[in-house]
Amino acid sequence: MRRIKIRVKGMSCQHCVRAVEQALAALDGITEVQVSLEKGLVELVCDENRCDISRIEAAIKEEGYEFAGSISE
């Protein structure tokens, strides 16, 4: 399993948090998603062989938020 922390800009409420959580949880291989509205961070756990940052970035952008980069992988 691989743990990734990413920055997401544009979240302003709990609805935003739920939208990002649901979008990422729906991706194949992601087993855990935690979103911090206050920090603008998303921490997720995914299967090492099925974890694709470009799919994660696309899912965040599709919800209307800005993928602001990975902190650690």
Protein backbone atom coordinates (compact mmCIF):
# COMPACT_ATOMS: atom_id res chain seq x y z
CA MET A 1 0.00 0.00 0.00
CA ARG A 2 1.11 3.52 -0.72
CA ARG A 3 0.24 6.66 1.26
CA ILE A 4 0.02 9.94 -0.65
CA LYS A 5 -0.57 13.50 0.58
CA ILE A 6 -1.73 16.10 -1.89
CA ARG A 7 -2.74 19.74 -1.72
CA VAL A 8 -6.16 20.75 -3.03
CA LYS A 9 -7.20 24.38 -3.50
CA GLY A 10 -10.73 25.71 -3.70
CA MET A 11 -12.41 23.72 -0.92
CA SER A 12 -14.44 25.97 1.38
CA CYS A 13 -17.04 23.82 3.15
CA GLN A 14 -18.04 20.32 4.21
CA HIS A 15 -19.81 19.81 0.88
CA CYS A 16 -16.44 20.33 -0.81
CA VAL A 17 -14.84 17.78 1.52
CA ARG A 18 -17.52 15.19 0.74
CA ALA A 19 -17.26 15.81 -3.01
CA VAL A 20 -13.49 15.25 -3.00
CA GLU A 21 -13.75 12.21 -0.69
CA GLN A 22 -16.39 10.56 -2.85
CA ALA A 23 -14.62 11.30 -6.13
CA LEU A 24 -11.34 9.82 -4.90
CA ALA A 25 -12.90 6.86 -3.07
CA ALA A 26 -14.59 5.87 -6.35
CA LEU A 27 -11.22 5.43 -8.08
CA ASP A 28 -9.98 1.88 -8.49
CA GLY A 29 -7.26 0.96 -6.00
CA ILE A 30 -7.89 3.71 -3.43
CA THR A 31 -8.71 2.22 -0.04
CA GLU A 32 -8.74 5.24 2.26
CA VAL A 33 -9.34 8.99 1.82
CA GLN A 34 -9.03 11.68 4.51
CA VAL A 35 -9.63 15.33 3.65
CA SER A 36 -8.58 18.26 5.85
CA LEU A 37 -10.52 21.37 4.88
CA GLU A 38 -8.47 23.57 7.23
CA LYS A 39 -5.13 22.49 5.76
CA GLY A 40 -6.29 21.98 2.19
CA LEU A 41 -4.80 18.49 2.30
CA VAL A 42 -5.96 15.11 1.13
CA GLU A 43 -4.29 11.99 2.46
CA LEU A 44 -5.04 8.75 0.71
CA VAL A 45 -3.96 5.14 0.75
CA CYS A 46 -3.93 3.15 -2.44
CA ASP A 47 -2.74 -0.10 -3.93
CA GLU A 48 0.84 0.45 -5.07
CA ASN A 49 0.19 -1.12 -8.48
CA ARG A 50 -3.02 0.81 -9.20
CA CYS A 51 -2.20 4.26 -7.80
CA ASP A 52 -2.07 6.80 -10.62
CA ILE A 53 -1.52 10.47 -9.75
CA SER A 54 -2.90 11.60 -13.11
CA ARG A 55 -6.24 9.86 -12.37
CA ILE A 56 -6.30 11.44 -8.90
CA GLU A 57 -5.59 14.88 -10.37
CA ALA A 58 -8.31 14.42 -13.02
CA ALA A 59 -10.89 13.36 -10.40
CA ILE A 60 -10.15 16.45 -8.29
CA LYS A 61 -10.35 18.79 -11.29
CA GLU A 62 -13.59 17.15 -12.45
CA GLU A 63 -15.16 18.12 -9.12
CA GLY A 64 -14.11 21.74 -9.70
CA TYR A 65 -11.09 21.96 -7.40
CA GLU A 66 -7.43 22.61 -8.09
CA PHE A 67 -4.85 19.86 -7.68
CA ALA A 68 -1.94 21.82 -6.18
CA GLY A 69 0.64 19.05 -6.13
CA SER A 70 1.80 16.07 -4.19
CA ILE A 71 3.56 16.60 -0.87
CA SER A 72 4.84 13.07 -0.46
CA GLU A 73 4.43 9.71 -2.10
